[in-house]
Amino acid sequence: MKVKYISILCAFSLLLGGCIKDSLEDCPVLVHVYLESVMKKYQYEKIADRLDLYLYDSNEKLVNKFSYSQADLARTEFIPVLSVQEVGDYTLVASLNQSQFYEFSGIEYLDTYRVSLKPMESNKIRDKQNDLYHGYKHLSVPYTHNINQYDTIAVYKNTNHININITYEGRVAQGVNRNVYLKGNNGSFNYQNVCDARSERIYLPHTSQSRSDSWYYQFTTMQLWLGSDLSLIVKEEKDGEEKVVNEINIVNEIAKAPPI
């Protein structure tokens, strides 16, 4: 598959391009970072409005953070250039499009790094959040002699847009209120993009339309995977009594659909 990259060059890379010392032993390594498009249809250079890179040492402690704005990313042939001062093994974590919808916590150490979808009250989500992308890679800096090192990090889309159309057989009773939502544990992920077991979110539709015999809903959720417990729940309420009329695992249903 032909690989597509974001073309980005750090604004201060020219300042780091030379190291004027009697010996090059203490000069930093300049790590040029490319973001690899995991799927061709994700054109990051068109949708990215922010890039954050977190660099952790072999003790899994944050040693530096690099942030780039939309203006930075829009520069022609713009590539992040990270200055690494010491020889060693590192882990680089990349996050594209952080926004007010997401919370990043525990970033000081790899094992506590978390990205979570911010809920309203009672773990509920209604807003259509922007697409978030995530990736990580282990890097090795073998020596520091003011050299240029090149690495590529794969970045995955961490959000899903789900459209659901519910059609009822026969005539639907009048005066019935319907409550449709998605519910599952996929609200928080670690640096390896693995979901926390206890991160329940309730996704309410951010768009809904009703017709005579059917209802259309749009949801935006965090990452899904085979085995996920995200379920579609349909409730009906009449005369003060509410009951569940349907509950299905939405991931299993999506897996049955033919690829687009």
C-alpha atoms as a PDB file:
ATOM      1  CA  MET A   1       0.000   0.000   0.000  1.00  0.00           C
ATOM      2  CA  LYS A   2       1.336   3.436  -0.883  1.00  0.00           C
ATOM      3  CA  VAL A   3       2.137   5.307   2.290  1.00  0.00           C
ATOM      4  CA  LYS A   4       0.900   8.865   2.706  1.00  0.00           C
ATOM      5  CA  TYR A   5       2.528  11.278   5.117  1.00  0.00           C
ATOM      6  CA  ILE A   6       1.698  14.559   6.716  1.00  0.00           C
ATOM      7  CA  SER A   7       4.238  17.000   5.439  1.00  0.00           C
ATOM      8  CA  ILE A   8       5.259  19.182   8.386  1.00  0.00           C
ATOM      9  CA  LEU A   9       8.500  20.985   9.360  1.00  0.00           C
ATOM     10  CA  CYS A  10       9.156  22.288  12.851  1.00  0.00           C
ATOM     11  CA  ALA A  11       9.296  26.097  13.004  1.00  0.00           C
ATOM     12  CA  PHE A  12      12.411  26.039  15.174  1.00  0.00           C
ATOM     13  CA  SER A  13      14.224  23.241  13.345  1.00  0.00           C
ATOM     14  CA  LEU A  14      16.599  25.696  11.671  1.00  0.00           C
ATOM     15  CA  LEU A  15      17.712  26.881  15.093  1.00  0.00           C
ATOM     16  CA  LEU A  16      18.537  23.303  16.039  1.00  0.00           C
ATOM     17  CA  GLY A  17      20.287  22.473  12.795  1.00  0.00           C
ATOM     18  CA  GLY A  18      23.788  23.228  14.020  1.00  0.00           C
ATOM     19  CA  CYS A  19      25.727  22.630  17.246  1.00  0.00           C
ATOM     20  CA  ILE A  20      28.796  24.848  17.705  1.00  0.00           C
ATOM     21  CA  LYS A  21      31.100  23.118  20.194  1.00  0.00           C
ATOM     22  CA  ASP A  22      34.667  21.846  20.308  1.00  0.00           C
ATOM     23  CA  SER A  23      33.291  18.297  20.461  1.00  0.00           C
ATOM     24  CA  LEU A  24      30.100  16.906  18.974  1.00  0.00           C
ATOM     25  CA  GLU A  25      29.707  14.393  21.808  1.00  0.00           C
ATOM     26  CA  ASP A  26      27.272  16.622  23.715  1.00  0.00           C
ATOM     27  CA  CYS A  27      25.282  17.774  20.714  1.00  0.00           C
ATOM     28  CA  PRO A  28      21.644  16.640  20.458  1.00  0.00           C
ATOM     29  CA  VAL A  29      20.229  14.171  17.978  1.00  0.00           C
ATOM     30  CA  LEU A  30      17.553  15.711  15.774  1.00  0.00           C
ATOM     31  CA  VAL A  31      14.757  13.175  15.358  1.00  0.00           C
ATOM     32  CA  HIS A  32      12.590  13.904  12.308  1.00  0.00           C
ATOM     33  CA  VAL A  33       9.135  12.385  12.862  1.00  0.00           C
ATOM     34  CA  TYR A  34       6.780  11.350  10.061  1.00  0.00           C
ATOM     35  CA  LEU A  35       3.157  10.386  10.659  1.00  0.00           C
ATOM     36  CA  GLU A  36       2.128   7.388   8.611  1.00  0.00           C
ATOM     37  CA  SER A  37      -1.383   7.153   7.226  1.00  0.00           C
ATOM     38  CA  VAL A  38      -2.653   3.783   8.439  1.00  0.00           C
ATOM     39  CA  MET A  39      -5.611   3.895   6.048  1.00  0.00           C
ATOM     40  CA  LYS A  40      -5.393   5.794   2.782  1.00  0.00           C
ATOM     41  CA  LYS A  41      -8.804   7.440   3.218  1.00  0.00           C
ATOM     42  CA  TYR A  42      -7.617   9.281   6.350  1.00  0.00           C
ATOM     43  CA  GLN A  43      -6.058  12.411   4.855  1.00  0.00           C
ATOM     44  CA  TYR A  44      -4.488  13.843   7.985  1.00  0.00           C
ATOM     45  CA  GLU A  45      -3.028  16.870   6.281  1.00  0.00           C
ATOM     46  CA  LYS A  46      -6.584  18.020   5.521  1.00  0.00           C
ATOM     47  CA  ILE A  47      -8.149  17.439   8.938  1.00  0.00           C
ATOM     48  CA  ALA A  48      -5.321  17.936  11.441  1.00  0.00           C
ATOM     49  CA  ASP A  49      -5.583  21.142  13.451  1.00  0.00           C
ATOM     50  CA  ARG A  50      -3.243  20.244  16.301  1.00  0.00           C
ATOM     51  CA  LEU A  51      -0.423  17.800  16.980  1.00  0.00           C
ATOM     52  CA  ASP A  52       1.005  16.886  20.403  1.00  0.00           C
ATOM     53  CA  LEU A  53       4.054  14.640  20.827  1.00  0.00           C
ATOM     54  CA  TYR A  54       5.093  13.208  24.209  1.00  0.00           C
ATOM     55  CA  LEU A  55       8.619  11.835  24.630  1.00  0.00           C
ATOM     56  CA  TYR A  56       9.269   9.339  27.469  1.00  0.00           C
ATOM     57  CA  ASP A  57      12.623   7.933  28.583  1.00  0.00           C
ATOM     58  CA  SER A  58      13.477   4.304  29.435  1.00  0.00           C
ATOM     59  CA  ASN A  59      12.077   4.863  32.936  1.00  0.00           C
ATOM     60  CA  GLU A  60       8.751   5.739  31.286  1.00  0.00           C
ATOM     61  CA  LYS A  61       8.980   9.322  32.540  1.00  0.00           C
ATOM     62  CA  LEU A  62       7.988  12.289  30.389  1.00  0.00           C
ATOM     63  CA  VAL A  63      11.118  14.200  29.363  1.00  0.00           C
ATOM     64  CA  ASN A  64       9.644  16.555  26.790  1.00  0.00           C
ATOM     65  CA  LYS A  65       6.423  17.579  25.088  1.00  0.00           C
ATOM     66  CA  PHE A  66       6.164  19.155  21.646  1.00  0.00           C
ATOM     67  CA  SER A  67       2.985  20.897  20.450  1.00  0.00           C
ATOM     68  CA  TYR A  68       2.141  22.193  16.980  1.00  0.00           C
ATOM     69  CA  SER A  69      -0.780  24.358  15.939  1.00  0.00           C
ATOM     70  CA  GLN A  70      -2.812  24.277  12.741  1.00  0.00           C
ATOM     71  CA  ALA A  71      -0.650  27.092  11.392  1.00  0.00           C
ATOM     72  CA  ASP A  72       2.460  24.971  11.992  1.00  0.00           C
ATOM     73  CA  LEU A  73       0.935  21.931  10.302  1.00  0.00           C
ATOM     74  CA  ALA A  74      -0.111  23.995   7.286  1.00  0.00           C
ATOM     75  CA  ARG A  75       3.484  24.935   6.450  1.00  0.00           C
ATOM     76  CA  THR A  76       4.838  23.379   3.282  1.00  0.00           C
ATOM     77  CA  GLU A  77       7.139  20.399   3.957  1.00  0.00           C
ATOM     78  CA  PHE A  78       6.791  20.852   7.708  1.00  0.00           C
ATOM     79  CA  ILE A  79       8.184  17.919   9.732  1.00  0.00           C
ATOM     80  CA  PRO A  80       8.445  17.811  13.554  1.00  0.00           C
ATOM     81  CA  VAL A  81      12.109  17.787  14.573  1.00  0.00           C
ATOM     82  CA  LEU A  82      12.674  16.657  18.168  1.00  0.00           C
ATOM     83  CA  SER A  83      15.892  17.522  19.975  1.00  0.00           C
ATOM     84  CA  VAL A  84      17.064  14.513  22.051  1.00  0.00           C
ATOM     85  CA  GLN A  85      19.953  15.247  24.401  1.00  0.00           C
ATOM     86  CA  GLU A  86      20.883  11.803  25.741  1.00  0.00           C
ATOM     87  CA  VAL A  87      21.591   8.356  24.331  1.00  0.00           C
ATOM     88  CA  GLY A  88      18.924   5.805  25.234  1.00  0.00           C
ATOM     89  CA  ASP A  89      15.613   4.160  24.482  1.00  0.00           C
ATOM     90  CA  TYR A  90      12.493   6.303  24.295  1.00  0.00           C
ATOM     91  CA  THR A  91       8.770   6.002  23.676  1.00  0.00           C
ATOM     92  CA  LEU A  92       7.046   8.617  21.540  1.00  0.00           C
ATOM     93  CA  VAL A  93       3.285   9.115  21.877  1.00  0.00           C
ATOM     94  CA  ALA A  94       1.420  11.134  19.241  1.00  0.00           C
ATOM     95  CA  SER A  95      -2.000  12.735  19.559  1.00  0.00           C
ATOM     96  CA  LEU A  96      -3.769  14.570  16.733  1.00  0.00           C
ATOM     97  CA  ASN A  97      -6.657  16.983  17.292  1.00  0.00           C
ATOM     98  CA  GLN A  98      -6.868  17.321  21.062  1.00  0.00           C
ATOM     99  CA  SER A  99      -9.870  19.481  21.935  1.00  0.00           C
ATOM    100  CA  GLN A 100     -12.306  20.411  24.700  1.00  0.00           C
ATOM    101  CA  PHE A 101     -14.074  17.070  24.253  1.00  0.00           C
ATOM    102  CA  TYR A 102     -11.104  15.062  25.544  1.00  0.00           C
ATOM    103  CA  GLU A 103      -9.193  14.933  28.801  1.00  0.00           C
ATOM    104  CA  PHE A 104      -5.500  13.968  28.933  1.00  0.00           C
ATOM    105  CA  SER A 105      -4.382  12.940  32.406  1.00  0.00           C
ATOM    106  CA  GLY A 106      -1.399  11.265  34.054  1.00  0.00           C
ATOM    107  CA  ILE A 107       0.877  12.235  31.184  1.00  0.00           C
ATOM    108  CA  GLU A 108       3.930  12.477  33.467  1.00  0.00           C
ATOM    109  CA  TYR A 109       4.427   8.684  33.187  1.00  0.00           C
ATOM    110  CA  LEU A 110       3.587   6.142  30.485  1.00  0.00           C
ATOM    111  CA  ASP A 111       1.719   3.786  32.799  1.00  0.00           C
ATOM    112  CA  THR A 112      -0.605   6.566  33.962  1.00  0.00           C
ATOM    113  CA  TYR A 113      -1.127   8.220  30.565  1.00  0.00           C
ATOM    114  CA  ARG A 114      -4.844   8.341  29.766  1.00  0.00           C
ATOM    115  CA  VAL A 115      -7.002   9.973  27.132  1.00  0.00           C
ATOM    116  CA  SER A 116     -10.687  10.075  28.040  1.00  0.00           C
ATOM    117  CA  LEU A 117     -13.841  11.345  26.424  1.00  0.00           C
ATOM    118  CA  LYS A 118     -15.312  13.978  28.737  1.00  0.00           C
ATOM    119  CA  PRO A 119     -18.874  13.075  29.729  1.00  0.00           C
ATOM    120  CA  MET A 120     -21.735  15.233  30.867  1.00  0.00           C
ATOM    121  CA  GLU A 121     -23.474  14.131  34.032  1.00  0.00           C
ATOM    122  CA  SER A 122     -23.756  10.376  34.675  1.00  0.00           C
ATOM    123  CA  ASN A 123     -21.181   9.470  31.999  1.00  0.00           C
ATOM    124  CA  LYS A 124     -23.460  10.717  29.205  1.00  0.00           C
ATOM    125  CA  ILE A 125     -22.170  12.042  25.865  1.00  0.00           C
ATOM    126  CA  ARG A 126     -24.341  14.006  23.456  1.00  0.00           C
ATOM    127  CA  ASP A 127     -21.978  16.298  21.555  1.00  0.00           C
ATOM    128  CA  LYS A 128     -20.501  15.376  18.201  1.00  0.00           C
ATOM    129  CA  GLN A 129     -16.837  15.388  19.120  1.00  0.00           C
ATOM    130  CA  ASN A 130     -14.094  15.970  16.572  1.00  0.00           C
ATOM    131  CA  ASP A 131     -12.046  13.065  15.243  1.00  0.00           C
ATOM    132  CA  LEU A 132      -9.079  12.109  17.403  1.00  0.00           C
ATOM    133  CA  TYR A 133      -5.987  10.220  16.187  1.00  0.00           C
ATOM    134  CA  HIS A 134      -3.434   8.381  18.299  1.00  0.00           C
ATOM    135  CA  GLY A 135      -0.194   6.468  17.898  1.00  0.00           C
ATOM    136  CA  TYR A 136       3.006   5.479  19.692  1.00  0.00           C
ATOM    137  CA  LYS A 137       6.404   4.060  18.853  1.00  0.00           C
ATOM    138  CA  HIS A 138       9.550   2.943  20.689  1.00  0.00           C
ATOM    139  CA  LEU A 139      12.628   4.863  19.544  1.00  0.00           C
ATOM    140  CA  SER A 140      16.330   4.166  20.060  1.00  0.00           C
ATOM    141  CA  VAL A 141      18.932   6.928  20.031  1.00  0.00           C
ATOM    142  CA  PRO A 142      22.269   5.037  19.828  1.00  0.00           C
ATOM    143  CA  TYR A 143      24.631   8.014  20.027  1.00  0.00           C
ATOM    144  CA  THR A 144      24.609  11.803  20.045  1.00  0.00           C
ATOM    145  CA  HIS A 145      26.917  13.317  17.455  1.00  0.00           C
ATOM    146  CA  ASN A 146      24.648  16.032  16.093  1.00  0.00           C
ATOM    147  CA  ILE A 147      23.150  13.582  13.613  1.00  0.00           C
ATOM    148  CA  ASN A 148      19.751  13.534  11.956  1.00  0.00           C
ATOM    149  CA  GLN A 149      17.580  10.522  12.714  1.00  0.00           C
ATOM    150  CA  TYR A 150      14.354   9.670  10.883  1.00  0.00           C
ATOM    151  CA  ASP A 151      11.420   7.743  12.347  1.00  0.00           C
ATOM    152  CA  THR A 152       7.837   7.032  11.307  1.00  0.00           C
ATOM    153  CA  ILE A 153       4.926   6.655  13.705  1.00  0.00           C
ATOM    154  CA  ALA A 154       1.597   5.093  12.678  1.00  0.00           C
ATOM    155  CA  VAL A 155      -1.449   7.079  13.798  1.00  0.00           C
ATOM    156  CA  TYR A 156      -4.905   5.485  14.104  1.00  0.00           C
ATOM    157  CA  LYS A 157      -8.317   7.121  14.058  1.00  0.00           C
ATOM    158  CA  ASN A 158      -9.790   6.811  17.536  1.00  0.00           C
ATOM    159  CA  THR A 159     -13.370   7.884  16.894  1.00  0.00           C
ATOM    160  CA  ASN A 160     -16.335   6.354  15.087  1.00  0.00           C
ATOM    161  CA  HIS A 161     -19.410   7.851  13.443  1.00  0.00           C
ATOM    162  CA  ILE A 162     -22.387   5.487  13.622  1.00  0.00           C
ATOM    163  CA  ASN A 163     -25.661   5.940  11.754  1.00  0.00           C
ATOM    164  CA  ILE A 164     -28.625   3.846  12.896  1.00  0.00           C
ATOM    165  CA  ASN A 165     -32.021   3.516  11.243  1.00  0.00           C
ATOM    166  CA  ILE A 166     -34.745   1.760  13.257  1.00  0.00           C
ATOM    167  CA  THR A 167     -37.839   0.569  11.413  1.00  0.00           C
ATOM    168  CA  TYR A 168     -40.879  -0.790  13.245  1.00  0.00           C
ATOM    169  CA  GLU A 169     -43.176  -3.453  11.861  1.00  0.00           C
ATOM    170  CA  GLY A 170     -46.811  -2.500  11.936  1.00  0.00           C
ATOM    171  CA  ARG A 171     -48.348   0.659  13.335  1.00  0.00           C
ATOM    172  CA  VAL A 172     -46.571   2.318  16.233  1.00  0.00           C
ATOM    173  CA  ALA A 173     -48.761   3.197  19.182  1.00  0.00           C
ATOM    174  CA  GLN A 174     -49.448   6.882  19.774  1.00  0.00           C
ATOM    175  CA  GLY A 175     -48.189   8.639  22.896  1.00  0.00           C
ATOM    176  CA  VAL A 176     -45.067   6.490  23.166  1.00  0.00           C
ATOM    177  CA  ASN A 177     -41.785   8.206  23.962  1.00  0.00           C
ATOM    178  CA  ARG A 178     -38.643   6.510  22.717  1.00  0.00           C
ATOM    179  CA  ASN A 179     -35.219   6.652  24.288  1.00  0.00           C
ATOM    180  CA  VAL A 180     -32.401   5.387  22.064  1.00  0.00           C
ATOM    181  CA  TYR A 181     -28.737   5.368  23.090  1.00  0.00           C
ATOM    182  CA  LEU A 182     -25.458   3.448  22.978  1.00  0.00           C
ATOM    183  CA  LYS A 183     -23.801   2.176  26.141  1.00  0.00           C
ATOM    184  CA  GLY A 184     -20.429   0.533  26.710  1.00  0.00           C
ATOM    185  CA  ASN A 185     -16.975   0.653  28.276  1.00  0.00           C
ATOM    186  CA  ASN A 186     -14.908   2.546  25.704  1.00  0.00           C
ATOM    187  CA  GLY A 187     -14.446   5.996  27.209  1.00  0.00           C
ATOM    188  CA  SER A 188     -10.779   5.926  28.253  1.00  0.00           C
ATOM    189  CA  PHE A 189      -7.556   4.548  26.694  1.00  0.00           C
ATOM    190  CA  ASN A 190      -3.915   4.211  27.703  1.00  0.00           C
ATOM    191  CA  TYR A 191      -0.866   5.111  25.616  1.00  0.00           C
ATOM    192  CA  GLN A 192      -1.033   1.745  23.812  1.00  0.00           C
ATOM    193  CA  ASN A 193      -4.602   2.582  22.797  1.00  0.00           C
ATOM    194  CA  VAL A 194      -6.003  -0.165  25.017  1.00  0.00           C
ATOM    195  CA  CYS A 195      -9.313   0.621  26.702  1.00  0.00           C
ATOM    196  CA  ASP A 196      -9.690   0.817  30.471  1.00  0.00           C
ATOM    197  CA  ALA A 197     -12.037  -1.893  31.689  1.00  0.00           C
ATOM    198  CA  ARG A 198     -14.086   0.585  33.699  1.00  0.00           C
ATOM    199  CA  SER A 199     -14.698   3.562  31.453  1.00  0.00           C
ATOM    200  CA  GLU A 200     -18.417   3.365  30.749  1.00  0.00           C
ATOM    201  CA  ARG A 201     -19.978   5.989  28.505  1.00  0.00           C
ATOM    202  CA  ILE A 202     -23.599   6.485  27.476  1.00  0.00           C
ATOM    203  CA  TYR A 203     -23.794   7.959  23.988  1.00  0.00           C
ATOM    204  CA  LEU A 204     -26.907   9.951  23.210  1.00  0.00           C
ATOM    205  CA  PRO A 205     -27.691  10.750  19.561  1.00  0.00           C
ATOM    206  CA  HIS A 206     -26.452  14.146  18.420  1.00  0.00           C
ATOM    207  CA  THR A 207     -28.812  13.950  15.421  1.00  0.00           C
ATOM    208  CA  SER A 208     -32.230  12.294  15.194  1.00  0.00           C
ATOM    209  CA  GLN A 209     -35.027  12.307  12.629  1.00  0.00           C
ATOM    210  CA  SER A 210     -38.407  10.596  12.764  1.00  0.00           C
ATOM    211  CA  ARG A 211     -40.638   9.356   9.983  1.00  0.00           C
ATOM    212  CA  SER A 212     -43.988   7.581  10.001  1.00  0.00           C
ATOM    213  CA  ASP A 213     -42.509   4.135  10.637  1.00  0.00           C
ATOM    214  CA  SER A 214     -38.791   4.679  11.223  1.00  0.00           C
ATOM    215  CA  TRP A 215     -36.271   6.723  13.181  1.00  0.00           C
ATOM    216  CA  TYR A 216     -32.768   7.790  12.156  1.00  0.00           C
ATOM    217  CA  TYR A 217     -29.976   8.489  14.675  1.00  0.00           C
ATOM    218  CA  GLN A 218     -26.355   9.620  14.464  1.00  0.00           C
ATOM    219  CA  PHE A 219     -23.776   8.895  17.160  1.00  0.00           C
ATOM    220  CA  THR A 220     -20.072   9.620  17.576  1.00  0.00           C
ATOM    221  CA  THR A 221     -18.188   7.238  19.866  1.00  0.00           C
ATOM    222  CA  MET A 222     -14.656   6.429  20.852  1.00  0.00           C
ATOM    223  CA  GLN A 223     -12.769   3.481  19.345  1.00  0.00           C
ATOM    224  CA  LEU A 224     -14.540   0.143  18.783  1.00  0.00           C
ATOM    225  CA  TRP A 225     -13.038  -3.330  18.518  1.00  0.00           C
ATOM    226  CA  LEU A 226     -14.256  -6.897  18.163  1.00  0.00           C
ATOM    227  CA  GLY A 227     -15.343  -8.037  21.604  1.00  0.00           C
ATOM    228  CA  SER A 228     -16.388  -4.541  22.661  1.00  0.00           C
ATOM    229  CA  ASP A 229     -19.523  -4.429  24.820  1.00  0.00           C
ATOM    230  CA  LEU A 230     -21.016  -1.325  23.171  1.00  0.00           C
ATOM    231  CA  SER A 231     -24.760  -1.955  22.885  1.00  0.00           C
ATOM    232  CA  LEU A 232     -27.688  -0.236  21.244  1.00  0.00           C
ATOM    233  CA  ILE A 233     -30.541   0.145  23.717  1.00  0.00           C
ATOM    234  CA  VAL A 234     -34.076   1.107  22.721  1.00  0.00           C
ATOM    235  CA  LYS A 235     -36.537   2.010  25.443  1.00  0.00           C
ATOM    236  CA  GLU A 236     -40.180   3.000  25.222  1.00  0.00           C
ATOM    237  CA  GLU A 237     -42.073   4.982  27.829  1.00  0.00           C
ATOM    238  CA  LYS A 238     -45.821   5.349  28.092  1.00  0.00           C
ATOM    239  CA  ASP A 239     -48.007   6.458  30.975  1.00  0.00           C
ATOM    240  CA  GLY A 240     -44.942   6.801  33.203  1.00  0.00           C
ATOM    241  CA  GLU A 241     -43.731   3.252  32.613  1.00  0.00           C
ATOM    242  CA  GLU A 242     -40.484   2.602  30.735  1.00  0.00           C
ATOM    243  CA  LYS A 243     -39.313  -0.712  29.337  1.00  0.00           C
ATOM    244  CA  VAL A 244     -36.438  -1.968  27.173  1.00  0.00           C
ATOM    245  CA  VAL A 245     -37.801  -3.175  23.840  1.00  0.00           C
ATOM    246  CA  ASN A 246     -34.472  -3.962  22.204  1.00  0.00           C
ATOM    247  CA  GLU A 247     -30.819  -4.358  23.223  1.00  0.00           C
ATOM    248  CA  ILE A 248     -28.166  -5.564  20.799  1.00  0.00           C
ATOM    249  CA  ASN A 249     -24.367  -5.540  20.636  1.00  0.00           C
ATOM    250  CA  ILE A 250     -23.708  -2.878  18.015  1.00  0.00           C
ATOM    251  CA  VAL A 251     -20.160  -4.078  17.281  1.00  0.00           C
ATOM    252  CA  ASN A 252     -21.420  -7.520  16.274  1.00  0.00           C
ATOM    253  CA  GLU A 253     -23.980  -5.906  13.962  1.00  0.00           C
ATOM    254  CA  ILE A 254     -21.352  -3.670  12.362  1.00  0.00           C
ATOM    255  CA  ALA A 255     -19.096  -6.700  11.823  1.00  0.00           C
ATOM    256  CA  LYS A 256     -21.894  -8.368   9.807  1.00  0.00           C
ATOM    257  CA  ALA A 257     -22.151  -5.427   7.410  1.00  0.00           C
ATOM    258  CA  PRO A 258     -20.270  -5.603   4.088  1.00  0.00           C
ATOM    259  CA  PRO A 259     -17.151  -3.387   3.894  1.00  0.00           C
ATOM    260  CA  ILE A 260     -17.625   0.047   2.348  1.00  0.00           C
END
